[in-house]
PDB file of all heavy atoms in Angstrom:
ATOM      1  N   GLU A   1       1.230  -9.460  19.383  1.00  0.00           N
ATOM      2  CA  GLU A   1       1.437 -10.064  20.687  1.00  0.00           C
ATOM      3  C   GLU A   1       2.182 -11.461  20.638  1.00  0.00           C
ATOM      4  O   GLU A   1       2.953 -11.703  21.572  1.00  0.00           O
ATOM      5  CB  GLU A   1       0.113 -10.210  21.428  1.00  0.00           C
ATOM      6  CG  GLU A   1      -0.482  -8.869  21.801  1.00  0.00           C
ATOM      7  CD  GLU A   1      -1.859  -9.008  22.504  1.00  0.00           C
ATOM      8  OE1 GLU A   1      -2.152 -10.125  22.993  1.00  0.00           O
ATOM      9  OE2 GLU A   1      -2.523  -7.990  22.563  1.00  0.00           O
ATOM     10  N   LYS A   2       1.961 -12.203  19.618  1.00  0.00           N
ATOM     11  CA  LYS A   2       2.548 -13.528  19.534  1.00  0.00           C
ATOM     12  C   LYS A   2       3.984 -13.458  19.029  1.00  0.00           C
ATOM     13  O   LYS A   2       4.825 -14.320  19.383  1.00  0.00           O
ATOM     14  CB  LYS A   2       1.799 -14.416  18.582  1.00  0.00           C
ATOM     15  CG  LYS A   2       0.411 -14.765  19.102  1.00  0.00           C
ATOM     16  CD  LYS A   2      -0.344 -15.591  18.038  1.00  0.00           C
ATOM     17  CE  LYS A   2      -1.734 -15.929  18.539  1.00  0.00           C
ATOM     18  NZ  LYS A   2      -2.524 -16.637  17.565  1.00  0.00           N
ATOM     19  N   ASP A   3       4.339 -12.448  18.206  1.00  0.00           N
ATOM     20  CA  ASP A   3       5.686 -12.411  17.592  1.00  0.00           C
ATOM     21  C   ASP A   3       6.117 -10.940  17.421  1.00  0.00           C
ATOM     22  O   ASP A   3       6.316 -10.497  16.301  1.00  0.00           O
ATOM     23  CB  ASP A   3       5.601 -13.105  16.194  1.00  0.00           C
ATOM     24  CG  ASP A   3       6.973 -13.473  15.684  1.00  0.00           C
ATOM     25  OD1 ASP A   3       7.969 -13.096  16.309  1.00  0.00           O
ATOM     26  OD2 ASP A   3       7.019 -14.042  14.591  1.00  0.00           O
ATOM     27  N   PRO A   4       6.244 -10.226  18.534  1.00  0.00           N
ATOM     28  CA  PRO A   4       6.535  -8.778  18.414  1.00  0.00           C
ATOM     29  C   PRO A   4       7.769  -8.372  17.626  1.00  0.00           C
ATOM     30  O   PRO A   4       7.786  -7.485  16.895  1.00  0.00           O
ATOM     31  CB  PRO A   4       6.621  -8.287  19.875  1.00  0.00           C
ATOM     32  CG  PRO A   4       6.839  -9.514  20.728  1.00  0.00           C
ATOM     33  CD  PRO A   4       6.255 -10.636  19.876  1.00  0.00           C
ATOM     34  N   GLU A   5       8.835  -9.141  17.769  1.00  0.00           N
ATOM     35  CA  GLU A   5      10.107  -8.802  17.113  1.00  0.00           C
ATOM     36  C   GLU A   5       9.948  -8.867  15.606  1.00  0.00           C
ATOM     37  O   GLU A   5      10.345  -7.961  14.891  1.00  0.00           O
ATOM     38  CB  GLU A   5      11.221  -9.715  17.600  1.00  0.00           C
ATOM     39  CG  GLU A   5      12.568  -9.313  17.090  1.00  0.00           C
ATOM     40  CD  GLU A   5      13.678 -10.123  17.643  1.00  0.00           C
ATOM     41  OE1 GLU A   5      13.645 -10.435  18.907  1.00  0.00           O
ATOM     42  OE2 GLU A   5      14.588 -10.516  16.899  1.00  0.00           O
ATOM     43  N   ASN A   6       9.377  -9.980  15.122  1.00  0.00           N
ATOM     44  CA  ASN A   6       9.243 -10.163  13.704  1.00  0.00           C
ATOM     45  C   ASN A   6       8.213  -9.197  13.088  1.00  0.00           C
ATOM     46  O   ASN A   6       8.363  -8.728  12.000  1.00  0.00           O
ATOM     47  CB  ASN A   6       8.912 -11.633  13.303  1.00  0.00           C
ATOM     48  CG  ASN A   6      10.149 -12.465  13.417  1.00  0.00           C
ATOM     49  OD1 ASN A   6      11.221 -12.072  13.071  1.00  0.00           O
ATOM     50  ND2 ASN A   6       9.949 -13.778  13.806  1.00  0.00           N
ATOM     51  N   VAL A   7       7.157  -8.963  13.833  1.00  0.00           N
ATOM     52  CA  VAL A   7       6.112  -8.006  13.347  1.00  0.00           C
ATOM     53  C   VAL A   7       6.689  -6.604  13.243  1.00  0.00           C
ATOM     54  O   VAL A   7       6.511  -5.926  12.197  1.00  0.00           O
ATOM     55  CB  VAL A   7       4.859  -8.015  14.257  1.00  0.00           C
ATOM     56  CG1 VAL A   7       3.937  -6.848  13.959  1.00  0.00           C
ATOM     57  CG2 VAL A   7       4.160  -9.356  14.152  1.00  0.00           C
ATOM     58  N   LYS A   8       7.476  -6.192  14.209  1.00  0.00           N
ATOM     59  CA  LYS A   8       8.092  -4.859  14.120  1.00  0.00           C
ATOM     60  C   LYS A   8       9.088  -4.734  12.952  1.00  0.00           C
ATOM     61  O   LYS A   8       9.128  -3.773  12.246  1.00  0.00           O
ATOM     62  CB  LYS A   8       8.777  -4.512  15.440  1.00  0.00           C
ATOM     63  CG  LYS A   8       7.834  -4.223  16.555  1.00  0.00           C
ATOM     64  CD  LYS A   8       8.484  -3.990  17.909  1.00  0.00           C
ATOM     65  CE  LYS A   8       7.436  -3.865  18.996  1.00  0.00           C
ATOM     66  NZ  LYS A   8       8.132  -3.758  20.321  1.00  0.00           N
ATOM     67  N   LYS A   9       9.834  -5.793  12.700  1.00  0.00           N
ATOM     68  CA  LYS A   9      10.747  -5.824  11.580  1.00  0.00           C
ATOM     69  C   LYS A   9       9.958  -5.737  10.294  1.00  0.00           C
ATOM     70  O   LYS A   9      10.295  -5.011   9.397  1.00  0.00           O
ATOM     71  CB  LYS A   9      11.599  -7.092  11.630  1.00  0.00           C
ATOM     72  CG  LYS A   9      12.590  -7.159  10.516  1.00  0.00           C
ATOM     73  CD  LYS A   9      13.455  -8.442  10.670  1.00  0.00           C
ATOM     74  CE  LYS A   9      14.423  -8.590   9.534  1.00  0.00           C
ATOM     75  NZ  LYS A   9      15.212  -9.834   9.606  1.00  0.00           N
ATOM     76  N   ALA A  10       8.910  -6.560  10.207  1.00  0.00           N
ATOM     77  CA  ALA A  10       8.083  -6.551   8.967  1.00  0.00           C
ATOM     78  C   ALA A  10       7.451  -5.186   8.728  1.00  0.00           C
ATOM     79  O   ALA A  10       7.448  -4.702   7.590  1.00  0.00           O
ATOM     80  CB  ALA A  10       6.982  -7.579   9.119  1.00  0.00           C
ATOM     81  N   PHE A  11       7.027  -4.501   9.775  1.00  0.00           N
ATOM     82  CA  PHE A  11       6.387  -3.217   9.654  1.00  0.00           C
ATOM     83  C   PHE A  11       7.367  -2.129   9.220  1.00  0.00           C
ATOM     84  O   PHE A  11       7.066  -1.185   8.542  1.00  0.00           O
ATOM     85  CB  PHE A  11       5.658  -2.803  10.841  1.00  0.00           C
ATOM     86  CG  PHE A  11       4.244  -3.356  10.970  1.00  0.00           C
ATOM     87  CD1 PHE A  11       3.689  -3.684  12.169  1.00  0.00           C
ATOM     88  CD2 PHE A  11       3.530  -3.689   9.821  1.00  0.00           C
ATOM     89  CE1 PHE A  11       2.467  -4.273  12.281  1.00  0.00           C
ATOM     90  CE2 PHE A  11       2.273  -4.239   9.903  1.00  0.00           C
ATOM     91  CZ  PHE A  11       1.726  -4.506  11.135  1.00  0.00           C
ATOM     92  N   THR A  12       8.626  -2.323   9.586  1.00  0.00           N
ATOM     93  CA  THR A  12       9.680  -1.379   9.144  1.00  0.00           C
ATOM     94  C   THR A  12       9.795  -1.408   7.688  1.00  0.00           C
ATOM     95  O   THR A  12       9.740  -0.354   6.968  1.00  0.00           O
ATOM     96  CB  THR A  12      11.069  -1.743   9.772  1.00  0.00           C
ATOM     97  OG1 THR A  12      10.919  -1.651  11.182  1.00  0.00           O
ATOM     98  CG2 THR A  12      12.130  -0.828   9.238  1.00  0.00           C
ATOM     99  N   PHE A  13       9.815  -2.598   7.043  1.00  0.00           N
ATOM    100  CA  PHE A  13       9.791  -2.765   5.634  1.00  0.00           C
ATOM    101  C   PHE A  13       8.481  -2.313   4.966  1.00  0.00           C
ATOM    102  O   PHE A  13       8.526  -1.668   3.910  1.00  0.00           O
ATOM    103  CB  PHE A  13      10.155  -4.236   5.185  1.00  0.00           C
ATOM    104  CG  PHE A  13      11.589  -4.575   5.441  1.00  0.00           C
ATOM    105  CD1 PHE A  13      11.912  -5.368   6.499  1.00  0.00           C
ATOM    106  CD2 PHE A  13      12.563  -4.058   4.630  1.00  0.00           C
ATOM    107  CE1 PHE A  13      13.261  -5.686   6.750  1.00  0.00           C
ATOM    108  CE2 PHE A  13      13.896  -4.361   4.835  1.00  0.00           C
ATOM    109  CZ  PHE A  13      14.239  -5.203   5.893  1.00  0.00           C
ATOM    110  N   PHE A  14       7.379  -2.565   5.632  1.00  0.00           N
ATOM    111  CA  PHE A  14       6.098  -2.155   5.111  1.00  0.00           C
ATOM    112  C   PHE A  14       6.046  -0.638   5.007  1.00  0.00           C
ATOM    113  O   PHE A  14       5.550  -0.116   3.969  1.00  0.00           O
ATOM    114  CB  PHE A  14       4.939  -2.666   6.032  1.00  0.00           C
ATOM    115  CG  PHE A  14       3.590  -2.410   5.483  1.00  0.00           C
ATOM    116  CD1 PHE A  14       2.998  -3.301   4.597  1.00  0.00           C
ATOM    117  CD2 PHE A  14       2.895  -1.297   5.898  1.00  0.00           C
ATOM    118  CE1 PHE A  14       1.735  -3.089   4.071  1.00  0.00           C
ATOM    119  CE2 PHE A  14       1.579  -1.055   5.372  1.00  0.00           C
ATOM    120  CZ  PHE A  14       1.013  -1.936   4.504  1.00  0.00           C
ATOM    121  N   ILE A  15       6.447   0.076   6.046  1.00  0.00           N
ATOM    122  CA  ILE A  15       6.439   1.494   5.992  1.00  0.00           C
ATOM    123  C   ILE A  15       7.367   2.078   4.956  1.00  0.00           C
ATOM    124  O   ILE A  15       7.062   3.009   4.220  1.00  0.00           O
ATOM    125  CB  ILE A  15       6.791   2.041   7.400  1.00  0.00           C
ATOM    126  CG1 ILE A  15       5.641   1.799   8.401  1.00  0.00           C
ATOM    127  CG2 ILE A  15       7.070   3.542   7.369  1.00  0.00           C
ATOM    128  CD1 ILE A  15       6.003   1.893   9.871  1.00  0.00           C
ATOM    129  N   ILE A  16       8.597   1.492   4.839  1.00  0.00           N
ATOM    130  CA  ILE A  16       9.528   1.918   3.809  1.00  0.00           C
ATOM    131  C   ILE A  16       8.938   1.755   2.425  1.00  0.00           C
ATOM    132  O   ILE A  16       8.999   2.636   1.546  1.00  0.00           O
ATOM    133  CB  ILE A  16      10.838   1.180   3.967  1.00  0.00           C
ATOM    134  CG1 ILE A  16      11.574   1.579   5.283  1.00  0.00           C
ATOM    135  CG2 ILE A  16      11.766   1.491   2.734  1.00  0.00           C
ATOM    136  CD1 ILE A  16      12.729   0.668   5.649  1.00  0.00           C
ATOM    137  N   GLN A  17       8.308   0.573   2.146  1.00  0.00           N
ATOM    138  CA  GLN A  17       7.739   0.329   0.820  1.00  0.00           C
ATOM    139  C   GLN A  17       6.575   1.280   0.518  1.00  0.00           C
ATOM    140  O   GLN A  17       6.425   1.734  -0.626  1.00  0.00           O
ATOM    141  CB  GLN A  17       7.401  -1.136   0.575  1.00  0.00           C
ATOM    142  CG  GLN A  17       6.210  -1.658   1.317  1.00  0.00           C
ATOM    143  CD  GLN A  17       4.860  -1.334   0.835  1.00  0.00           C
ATOM    144  OE1 GLN A  17       4.691  -1.009  -0.387  1.00  0.00           O
ATOM    145  NE2 GLN A  17       3.879  -1.326   1.654  1.00  0.00           N
ATOM    146  N   LEU A  18       5.841   1.587   1.564  1.00  0.00           N
ATOM    147  CA  LEU A  18       4.761   2.553   1.337  1.00  0.00           C
ATOM    148  C   LEU A  18       5.254   3.951   1.024  1.00  0.00           C
ATOM    149  O   LEU A  18       4.747   4.605   0.120  1.00  0.00           O
ATOM    150  CB  LEU A  18       3.856   2.583   2.635  1.00  0.00           C
ATOM    151  CG  LEU A  18       2.388   2.936   2.489  1.00  0.00           C
ATOM    152  CD1 LEU A  18       1.688   2.104   1.350  1.00  0.00           C
ATOM    153  CD2 LEU A  18       1.685   2.759   3.765  1.00  0.00           C
ATOM    154  N   ALA A  19       6.320   4.319   1.649  1.00  0.00           N
ATOM    155  CA  ALA A  19       6.939   5.630   1.433  1.00  0.00           C
ATOM    156  C   ALA A  19       7.564   5.646  -0.055  1.00  0.00           C
ATOM    157  O   ALA A  19       7.406   6.588  -0.772  1.00  0.00           O
ATOM    158  CB  ALA A  19       8.038   5.946   2.448  1.00  0.00           C
ATOM    159  N   LEU A  20       8.175   4.532  -0.419  1.00  0.00           N
ATOM    160  CA  LEU A  20       8.737   4.460  -1.749  1.00  0.00           C
ATOM    161  C   LEU A  20       7.648   4.415  -2.836  1.00  0.00           C
ATOM    162  O   LEU A  20       7.789   4.917  -3.910  1.00  0.00           O
ATOM    163  CB  LEU A  20       9.662   3.228  -1.877  1.00  0.00           C
ATOM    164  CG  LEU A  20      10.986   3.285  -1.104  1.00  0.00           C
ATOM    165  CD1 LEU A  20      11.682   1.933  -1.120  1.00  0.00           C
ATOM    166  CD2 LEU A  20      11.877   4.320  -1.731  1.00  0.00           C
ATOM    167  N   ASN A  21       6.527   3.844  -2.429  1.00  0.00           N
ATOM    168  CA  ASN A  21       5.352   3.848  -3.353  1.00  0.00           C
ATOM    169  C   ASN A  21       4.968   5.227  -3.704  1.00  0.00           C
ATOM    170  O   ASN A  21       4.766   5.604  -4.844  1.00  0.00           O
ATOM    171  CB  ASN A  21       4.230   3.061  -2.666  1.00  0.00           C
ATOM    172  CG  ASN A  21       2.978   2.927  -3.486  1.00  0.00           C
ATOM    173  OD1 ASN A  21       2.480   3.895  -4.002  1.00  0.00           O
ATOM    174  ND2 ASN A  21       2.461   1.723  -3.604  1.00  0.00           N
ATOM    175  N   ALA A  22       4.827   6.083  -2.638  1.00  0.00           N
ATOM    176  CA  ALA A  22       4.428   7.479  -2.889  1.00  0.00           C
ATOM    177  C   ALA A  22       5.540   8.259  -3.530  1.00  0.00           C
ATOM    178  O   ALA A  22       5.276   9.081  -4.442  1.00  0.00           O
ATOM    179  CB  ALA A  22       4.074   8.103  -1.536  1.00  0.00           C
ATOM    180  N   ALA A  23       6.782   7.981  -3.222  1.00  0.00           N
ATOM    181  CA  ALA A  23       7.916   8.709  -3.804  1.00  0.00           C
ATOM    182  C   ALA A  23       7.991   8.500  -5.286  1.00  0.00           C
ATOM    183  O   ALA A  23       8.341   9.406  -6.036  1.00  0.00           O
ATOM    184  CB  ALA A  23       9.189   8.300  -3.089  1.00  0.00           C
ATOM    185  N   TRP A  24       7.700   7.256  -5.716  1.00  0.00           N
ATOM    186  CA  TRP A  24       7.775   7.023  -7.205  1.00  0.00           C
ATOM    187  C   TRP A  24       6.863   7.970  -7.941  1.00  0.00           C
ATOM    188  O   TRP A  24       7.286   8.484  -8.999  1.00  0.00           O
ATOM    189  CB  TRP A  24       7.370   5.556  -7.496  1.00  0.00           C
ATOM    190  CG  TRP A  24       7.561   5.241  -8.948  1.00  0.00           C
ATOM    191  CD1 TRP A  24       8.727   4.889  -9.621  1.00  0.00           C
ATOM    192  CD2 TRP A  24       6.610   5.446 -10.030  1.00  0.00           C
ATOM    193  NE1 TRP A  24       8.530   4.756 -10.912  1.00  0.00           N
ATOM    194  CE2 TRP A  24       7.253   5.137 -11.225  1.00  0.00           C
ATOM    195  CE3 TRP A  24       5.272   5.873 -10.024  1.00  0.00           C
ATOM    196  CZ2 TRP A  24       6.585   5.195 -12.448  1.00  0.00           C
ATOM    197  CZ3 TRP A  24       4.604   5.899 -11.209  1.00  0.00           C
ATOM    198  CH2 TRP A  24       5.285   5.572 -12.464  1.00  0.00           C
ATOM    199  N   SER A  25       5.682   8.167  -7.468  1.00  0.00           N
ATOM    200  CA  SER A  25       4.687   9.065  -8.203  1.00  0.00           C
ATOM    201  C   SER A  25       5.227  10.473  -8.265  1.00  0.00           C
ATOM    202  O   SER A  25       5.162  11.186  -9.314  1.00  0.00           O
ATOM    203  CB  SER A  25       3.367   9.104  -7.519  1.00  0.00           C
ATOM    204  OG  SER A  25       2.743   7.799  -7.615  1.00  0.00           O
ATOM    205  N   VAL A  26       5.879  10.869  -7.171  1.00  0.00           N
ATOM    206  CA  VAL A  26       6.507  12.243  -7.164  1.00  0.00           C
ATOM    207  C   VAL A  26       7.633  12.357  -8.161  1.00  0.00           C
ATOM    208  O   VAL A  26       7.691  13.291  -8.982  1.00  0.00           O
ATOM    209  CB  VAL A  26       6.960  12.578  -5.715  1.00  0.00           C
ATOM    210  CG1 VAL A  26       7.744  13.912  -5.774  1.00  0.00           C
ATOM    211  CG2 VAL A  26       5.796  12.714  -4.806  1.00  0.00           C
ATOM    212  N   ILE A  27       8.463  11.344  -8.138  1.00  0.00           N
ATOM    213  CA  ILE A  27       9.681  11.329  -9.102  1.00  0.00           C
ATOM    214  C   ILE A  27       9.218  11.267 -10.496  1.00  0.00           C
ATOM    215  O   ILE A  27       9.705  11.980 -11.368  1.00  0.00           O
ATOM    216  CB  ILE A  27      10.676  10.204  -8.665  1.00  0.00           C
ATOM    217  CG1 ILE A  27      11.209  10.480  -7.302  1.00  0.00           C
ATOM    218  CG2 ILE A  27      11.701  10.129  -9.743  1.00  0.00           C
ATOM    219  CD1 ILE A  27      11.885   9.239  -6.705  1.00  0.00           C
ATOM    220  N   PHE A  28       8.368  10.317 -10.860  1.00  0.00           N
ATOM    221  CA  PHE A  28       7.982  10.149 -12.221  1.00  0.00           C
ATOM    222  C   PHE A  28       7.098  11.277 -12.733  1.00  0.00           C
ATOM    223  O   PHE A  28       7.345  11.912 -13.756  1.00  0.00           O
ATOM    224  CB  PHE A  28       7.319   8.790 -12.415  1.00  0.00           C
ATOM    225  CG  PHE A  28       7.073   8.428 -13.836  1.00  0.00           C
ATOM    226  CD1 PHE A  28       8.021   7.677 -14.544  1.00  0.00           C
ATOM    227  CD2 PHE A  28       5.875   8.758 -14.520  1.00  0.00           C
ATOM    228  CE1 PHE A  28       7.806   7.337 -15.875  1.00  0.00           C
ATOM    229  CE2 PHE A  28       5.701   8.420 -15.843  1.00  0.00           C
ATOM    230  CZ  PHE A  28       6.679   7.702 -16.519  1.00  0.00           C
ATOM    231  N   PHE A  29       5.971  11.489 -12.023  1.00  0.00           N
ATOM    232  CA  PHE A  29       4.929  12.412 -12.548  1.00  0.00           C
ATOM    233  C   PHE A  29       5.137  13.875 -12.171  1.00  0.00           C
ATOM    234  O   PHE A  29       4.843  14.781 -12.957  1.00  0.00           O
ATOM    235  CB  PHE A  29       3.547  11.946 -12.029  1.00  0.00           C
ATOM    236  CG  PHE A  29       3.040  10.765 -12.790  1.00  0.00           C
ATOM    237  CD1 PHE A  29       3.032   9.557 -12.161  1.00  0.00           C
ATOM    238  CD2 PHE A  29       2.611  10.858 -14.086  1.00  0.00           C
ATOM    239  CE1 PHE A  29       2.576   8.421 -12.835  1.00  0.00           C
ATOM    240  CE2 PHE A  29       2.152   9.742 -14.818  1.00  0.00           C
ATOM    241  CZ  PHE A  29       2.168   8.528 -14.197  1.00  0.00           C
ATOM    242  N   TYR A  30       5.627  14.162 -10.977  1.00  0.00           N
ATOM    243  CA  TYR A  30       5.846  15.564 -10.548  1.00  0.00           C
ATOM    244  C   TYR A  30       7.143  16.109 -11.042  1.00  0.00           C
ATOM    245  O   TYR A  30       7.251  17.218 -11.590  1.00  0.00           O
ATOM    246  CB  TYR A  30       5.715  15.679  -9.053  1.00  0.00           C
ATOM    247  CG  TYR A  30       5.812  17.098  -8.565  1.00  0.00           C
ATOM    248  CD1 TYR A  30       4.704  18.001  -8.740  1.00  0.00           C
ATOM    249  CD2 TYR A  30       6.976  17.615  -7.930  1.00  0.00           C
ATOM    250  CE1 TYR A  30       4.792  19.291  -8.305  1.00  0.00           C
ATOM    251  CE2 TYR A  30       7.040  18.972  -7.541  1.00  0.00           C
ATOM    252  CZ  TYR A  30       5.973  19.788  -7.677  1.00  0.00           C
ATOM    253  OH  TYR A  30       6.042  21.063  -7.308  1.00  0.00           O
ATOM    254  N   LEU A  31       8.232  15.293 -10.873  1.00  0.00           N
ATOM    255  CA  LEU A  31       9.523  15.750 -11.329  1.00  0.00           C
ATOM    256  C   LEU A  31       9.828  15.459 -12.816  1.00  0.00           C
ATOM    257  O   LEU A  31      10.798  15.917 -13.342  1.00  0.00           O
ATOM    258  CB  LEU A  31      10.651  15.126 -10.439  1.00  0.00           C
ATOM    259  CG  LEU A  31      10.639  15.406  -8.993  1.00  0.00           C
ATOM    260  CD1 LEU A  31      11.742  14.703  -8.270  1.00  0.00           C
ATOM    261  CD2 LEU A  31      10.738  16.962  -8.759  1.00  0.00           C
ATOM    262  N   HIS A  32       8.917  14.617 -13.429  1.00  0.00           N
ATOM    263  CA  HIS A  32       9.082  14.273 -14.816  1.00  0.00           C
ATOM    264  C   HIS A  32      10.412  13.633 -15.075  1.00  0.00           C
ATOM    265  O   HIS A  32      11.095  13.952 -16.090  1.00  0.00           O
ATOM    266  CB  HIS A  32       8.837  15.423 -15.754  1.00  0.00           C
ATOM    267  CG  HIS A  32       7.519  16.144 -15.542  1.00  0.00           C
ATOM    268  ND1 HIS A  32       7.320  17.400 -16.078  1.00  0.00           N
ATOM    269  CD2 HIS A  32       6.396  15.756 -14.909  1.00  0.00           C
ATOM    270  CE1 HIS A  32       6.062  17.725 -15.774  1.00  0.00           C
ATOM    271  NE2 HIS A  32       5.507  16.760 -15.118  1.00  0.00           N
ATOM    272  N   ASN A  33      10.793  12.657 -14.228  1.00  0.00           N
ATOM    273  CA  ASN A  33      12.126  12.099 -14.327  1.00  0.00           C
ATOM    274  C   ASN A  33      11.991  10.533 -14.418  1.00  0.00           C
ATOM    275  O   ASN A  33      12.149   9.870 -13.406  1.00  0.00           O
ATOM    276  CB  ASN A  33      12.947  12.553 -13.186  1.00  0.00           C
ATOM    277  CG  ASN A  33      14.386  12.222 -13.339  1.00  0.00           C
ATOM    278  OD1 ASN A  33      14.784  11.254 -14.038  1.00  0.00           O
ATOM    279  ND2 ASN A  33      15.275  13.077 -12.718  1.00  0.00           N
ATOM    280  N   PRO A  34      11.759   9.953 -15.545  1.00  0.00           N
ATOM    281  CA  PRO A  34      11.636   8.501 -15.696  1.00  0.00           C
ATOM    282  C   PRO A  34      12.869   7.740 -15.293  1.00  0.00           C
ATOM    283  O   PRO A  34      12.783   6.643 -14.780  1.00  0.00           O
ATOM    284  CB  PRO A  34      11.267   8.305 -17.142  1.00  0.00           C
ATOM    285  CG  PRO A  34      10.634   9.629 -17.553  1.00  0.00           C
ATOM    286  CD  PRO A  34      11.416  10.625 -16.828  1.00  0.00           C
ATOM    287  N   PHE A  35      14.099   8.322 -15.522  1.00  0.00           N
ATOM    288  CA  PHE A  35      15.315   7.592 -15.186  1.00  0.00           C
ATOM    289  C   PHE A  35      15.423   7.468 -13.651  1.00  0.00           C
ATOM    290  O   PHE A  35      15.698   6.404 -13.164  1.00  0.00           O
ATOM    291  CB  PHE A  35      16.529   8.269 -15.797  1.00  0.00           C
ATOM    292  CG  PHE A  35      17.765   7.521 -15.430  1.00  0.00           C
ATOM    293  CD1 PHE A  35      18.079   6.293 -15.956  1.00  0.00           C
ATOM    294  CD2 PHE A  35      18.685   8.088 -14.530  1.00  0.00           C
ATOM    295  CE1 PHE A  35      19.191   5.550 -15.608  1.00  0.00           C
ATOM    296  CE2 PHE A  35      19.791   7.402 -14.170  1.00  0.00           C
ATOM    297  CZ  PHE A  35      20.077   6.087 -14.695  1.00  0.00           C
ATOM    298  N   LEU A  36      15.241   8.564 -12.965  1.00  0.00           N
ATOM    299  CA  LEU A  36      15.368   8.543 -11.464  1.00  0.00           C
ATOM    300  C   LEU A  36      14.273   7.646 -10.941  1.00  0.00           C
ATOM    301  O   LEU A  36      14.469   6.886  -9.974  1.00  0.00           O
ATOM    302  CB  LEU A  36      15.322   9.917 -10.892  1.00  0.00           C
ATOM    303  CG  LEU A  36      15.520  10.061  -9.380  1.00  0.00           C
ATOM    304  CD1 LEU A  36      16.896   9.384  -8.960  1.00  0.00           C
ATOM    305  CD2 LEU A  36      15.443  11.508  -8.969  1.00  0.00           C
ATOM    306  N   ALA A  37      13.081   7.693 -11.561  1.00  0.00           N
ATOM    307  CA  ALA A  37      11.989   6.875 -11.131  1.00  0.00           C
ATOM    308  C   ALA A  37      12.314   5.409 -11.357  1.00  0.00           C
ATOM    309  O   ALA A  37      11.903   4.572 -10.499  1.00  0.00           O
ATOM    310  CB  ALA A  37      10.689   7.222 -11.855  1.00  0.00           C
ATOM    311  N   LEU A  38      13.028   5.092 -12.409  1.00  0.00           N
ATOM    312  CA  LEU A  38      13.419   3.692 -12.694  1.00  0.00           C
ATOM    313  C   LEU A  38      14.364   3.221 -11.582  1.00  0.00           C
ATOM    314  O   LEU A  38      14.214   2.089 -11.050  1.00  0.00           O
ATOM    315  CB  LEU A  38      14.067   3.637 -14.061  1.00  0.00           C
ATOM    316  CG  LEU A  38      14.666   2.225 -14.397  1.00  0.00           C
ATOM    317  CD1 LEU A  38      13.579   1.170 -14.389  1.00  0.00           C
ATOM    318  CD2 LEU A  38      15.398   2.305 -15.768  1.00  0.00           C
TER     319      LEU A  38
END
């Protein structure tokens, strides 16, 4: 409520990093691809 524009921007990055967090596990452990995971 105090800073809607900056909070929404911050949450965009938060959501992206959370998705990348999950994606790393898939790439490294499920796809067995350490280079792509890197």
